[in-house]
Amino acid sequence: MNETKSISVTKAILIGHVCVSGGVFLLIGATVFVCRAFDVLSLPKAVLVGAILAWPWWSISVPKWRRWALARGADADQLQKVGVRTGLVWPKGCIFEKTEIPPRK
């Protein structure tokens, strides 16, 4: 018998935050660092520009992470529910949720 162990939703969410949110924060942080190091933008403007630059990362990485988690047996409904509660994903139907870019087949 070939039983595969499913990934828990908690573990999938943790990995999602490390990979997705971690990338977002790195991009925002790098933007702020560069903008402030070269005295290009004020801190609030640099954070805003960083968030705008990080949005494509989120839009591409969330669907890839979701596909990865589902392929490993995570429950789709729980993944969405806990993902929204922890700030990893947006609620279904939200305008921001519609910015997700699904991976090519």
C-alpha atoms as a PDB file:
ATOM      1  CA  MET A   1       0.000   0.000   0.000  1.00  0.00           C
ATOM      2  CA  ASN A   2       1.391   3.427  -0.984  1.00  0.00           C
ATOM      3  CA  GLU A   3       0.111   6.009   1.462  1.00  0.00           C
ATOM      4  CA  THR A   4       1.359   9.559   1.145  1.00  0.00           C
ATOM      5  CA  LYS A   5       1.237  11.804   4.144  1.00  0.00           C
ATOM      6  CA  SER A   6      -0.639  15.074   3.658  1.00  0.00           C
ATOM      7  CA  ILE A   7       0.956  18.333   4.665  1.00  0.00           C
ATOM      8  CA  SER A   8      -0.877  20.057   7.492  1.00  0.00           C
ATOM      9  CA  VAL A   9      -2.514  23.401   6.813  1.00  0.00           C
ATOM     10  CA  THR A  10      -0.432  24.923   9.604  1.00  0.00           C
ATOM     11  CA  LYS A  11       2.820  23.777   8.007  1.00  0.00           C
ATOM     12  CA  ALA A  12       1.675  24.900   4.543  1.00  0.00           C
ATOM     13  CA  ILE A  13       0.760  28.354   5.896  1.00  0.00           C
ATOM     14  CA  LEU A  14       4.103  28.639   7.682  1.00  0.00           C
ATOM     15  CA  ILE A  15       5.974  27.755   4.495  1.00  0.00           C
ATOM     16  CA  GLY A  16       3.761  30.198   2.578  1.00  0.00           C
ATOM     17  CA  HIS A  17       4.647  33.021   4.941  1.00  0.00           C
ATOM     18  CA  VAL A  18       8.352  32.250   4.722  1.00  0.00           C
ATOM     19  CA  CYS A  19       8.348  32.057   0.919  1.00  0.00           C
ATOM     20  CA  VAL A  20       5.666  34.585  -0.044  1.00  0.00           C
ATOM     21  CA  SER A  21       5.632  37.124   2.795  1.00  0.00           C
ATOM     22  CA  GLY A  22       9.373  36.778   3.259  1.00  0.00           C
ATOM     23  CA  GLY A  23       9.902  37.748  -0.375  1.00  0.00           C
ATOM     24  CA  VAL A  24       7.523  40.687  -0.029  1.00  0.00           C
ATOM     25  CA  PHE A  25       9.345  42.006   3.036  1.00  0.00           C
ATOM     26  CA  LEU A  26      12.753  41.502   1.412  1.00  0.00           C
ATOM     27  CA  LEU A  27      11.669  43.494  -1.648  1.00  0.00           C
ATOM     28  CA  ILE A  28      10.184  46.286   0.451  1.00  0.00           C
ATOM     29  CA  GLY A  29      13.242  46.339   2.706  1.00  0.00           C
ATOM     30  CA  ALA A  30      15.664  46.421  -0.213  1.00  0.00           C
ATOM     31  CA  THR A  31      13.715  49.255  -1.828  1.00  0.00           C
ATOM     32  CA  VAL A  32      13.706  51.267   1.397  1.00  0.00           C
ATOM     33  CA  PHE A  33      17.408  50.620   1.900  1.00  0.00           C
ATOM     34  CA  VAL A  34      18.352  51.745  -1.613  1.00  0.00           C
ATOM     35  CA  CYS A  35      16.042  54.777  -1.554  1.00  0.00           C
ATOM     36  CA  ARG A  36      17.319  55.938   1.815  1.00  0.00           C
ATOM     37  CA  ALA A  37      20.985  55.123   1.087  1.00  0.00           C
ATOM     38  CA  PHE A  38      20.879  57.339  -1.983  1.00  0.00           C
ATOM     39  CA  ASP A  39      18.486  59.847  -0.378  1.00  0.00           C
ATOM     40  CA  VAL A  40      16.011  59.393  -3.237  1.00  0.00           C
ATOM     41  CA  LEU A  41      12.708  59.146  -1.329  1.00  0.00           C
ATOM     42  CA  SER A  42      11.402  59.736   2.168  1.00  0.00           C
ATOM     43  CA  LEU A  43      10.742  56.638   4.264  1.00  0.00           C
ATOM     44  CA  PRO A  44       6.953  56.573   3.715  1.00  0.00           C
ATOM     45  CA  LYS A  45       7.365  57.023  -0.046  1.00  0.00           C
ATOM     46  CA  ALA A  46      10.084  54.375  -0.184  1.00  0.00           C
ATOM     47  CA  VAL A  47       7.820  51.906   1.655  1.00  0.00           C
ATOM     48  CA  LEU A  48       5.002  52.668  -0.793  1.00  0.00           C
ATOM     49  CA  VAL A  49       7.285  52.159  -3.806  1.00  0.00           C
ATOM     50  CA  GLY A  50       8.598  48.956  -2.226  1.00  0.00           C
ATOM     51  CA  ALA A  51       5.056  47.655  -1.743  1.00  0.00           C
ATOM     52  CA  ILE A  52       4.229  48.427  -5.372  1.00  0.00           C
ATOM     53  CA  LEU A  53       7.372  46.619  -6.516  1.00  0.00           C
ATOM     54  CA  ALA A  54       6.630  43.653  -4.231  1.00  0.00           C
ATOM     55  CA  TRP A  55       3.054  43.199  -5.462  1.00  0.00           C
ATOM     56  CA  PRO A  56       4.042  41.214  -8.580  1.00  0.00           C
ATOM     57  CA  TRP A  57       6.054  38.856  -6.353  1.00  0.00           C
ATOM     58  CA  TRP A  58       2.963  38.237  -4.238  1.00  0.00           C
ATOM     59  CA  SER A  59       0.731  37.893  -7.319  1.00  0.00           C
ATOM     60  CA  ILE A  60       2.958  35.201  -8.820  1.00  0.00           C
ATOM     61  CA  SER A  61       4.109  33.382  -5.693  1.00  0.00           C
ATOM     62  CA  VAL A  62       0.749  32.912  -3.930  1.00  0.00           C
ATOM     63  CA  PRO A  63      -0.801  30.777  -6.700  1.00  0.00           C
ATOM     64  CA  LYS A  64       2.398  28.733  -6.976  1.00  0.00           C
ATOM     65  CA  TRP A  65       2.443  28.216  -3.209  1.00  0.00           C
ATOM     66  CA  ARG A  66      -1.252  27.272  -3.199  1.00  0.00           C
ATOM     67  CA  ARG A  67      -0.736  24.739  -5.989  1.00  0.00           C
ATOM     68  CA  TRP A  68       2.265  23.319  -4.102  1.00  0.00           C
ATOM     69  CA  ALA A  69       0.271  22.971  -0.852  1.00  0.00           C
ATOM     70  CA  LEU A  70      -2.757  21.406  -2.555  1.00  0.00           C
ATOM     71  CA  ALA A  71      -0.543  18.927  -4.419  1.00  0.00           C
ATOM     72  CA  ARG A  72       0.727  17.799  -1.018  1.00  0.00           C
ATOM     73  CA  GLY A  73      -2.764  17.169   0.320  1.00  0.00           C
ATOM     74  CA  ALA A  74      -3.566  20.363   2.228  1.00  0.00           C
ATOM     75  CA  ASP A  75      -7.293  20.975   2.582  1.00  0.00           C
ATOM     76  CA  ALA A  76      -8.242  23.776   0.145  1.00  0.00           C
ATOM     77  CA  ASP A  77     -10.978  25.338   2.292  1.00  0.00           C
ATOM     78  CA  GLN A  78      -8.858  25.367   5.446  1.00  0.00           C
ATOM     79  CA  LEU A  79      -5.853  26.672   3.504  1.00  0.00           C
ATOM     80  CA  GLN A  80      -7.918  29.626   2.275  1.00  0.00           C
ATOM     81  CA  LYS A  81      -9.535  30.263   5.666  1.00  0.00           C
ATOM     82  CA  VAL A  82      -6.285  30.204   7.632  1.00  0.00           C
ATOM     83  CA  GLY A  83      -4.446  32.036   4.853  1.00  0.00           C
ATOM     84  CA  VAL A  84      -6.923  34.925   5.072  1.00  0.00           C
ATOM     85  CA  ARG A  85      -6.836  34.926   8.873  1.00  0.00           C
ATOM     86  CA  THR A  86      -3.028  35.130   8.908  1.00  0.00           C
ATOM     87  CA  GLY A  87      -2.770  37.719   6.127  1.00  0.00           C
ATOM     88  CA  LEU A  88      -1.140  35.473   3.553  1.00  0.00           C
ATOM     89  CA  VAL A  89      -3.994  35.650   1.028  1.00  0.00           C
ATOM     90  CA  TRP A  90      -6.974  37.886   0.422  1.00  0.00           C
ATOM     91  CA  PRO A  91     -10.599  36.760   0.854  1.00  0.00           C
ATOM     92  CA  LYS A  92     -12.197  35.146  -2.197  1.00  0.00           C
ATOM     93  CA  GLY A  93     -13.811  37.763  -4.406  1.00  0.00           C
ATOM     94  CA  CYS A  94     -11.747  40.633  -2.985  1.00  0.00           C
ATOM     95  CA  ILE A  95     -10.355  42.957  -5.654  1.00  0.00           C
ATOM     96  CA  PHE A  96      -6.800  42.246  -4.465  1.00  0.00           C
ATOM     97  CA  GLU A  97      -7.363  38.485  -4.659  1.00  0.00           C
ATOM     98  CA  LYS A  98      -8.083  38.982  -8.343  1.00  0.00           C
ATOM     99  CA  THR A  99      -4.481  40.159  -8.887  1.00  0.00           C
ATOM    100  CA  GLU A 100      -3.161  36.607  -8.440  1.00  0.00           C
ATOM    101  CA  ILE A 101      -1.428  35.411 -11.600  1.00  0.00           C
ATOM    102  CA  PRO A 102      -1.893  31.638 -11.966  1.00  0.00           C
ATOM    103  CA  PRO A 103       1.145  29.646 -13.078  1.00  0.00           C
ATOM    104  CA  ARG A 104       1.219  28.269 -16.601  1.00  0.00           C
ATOM    105  CA  LYS A 105       0.294  24.641 -16.896  1.00  0.00           C
END
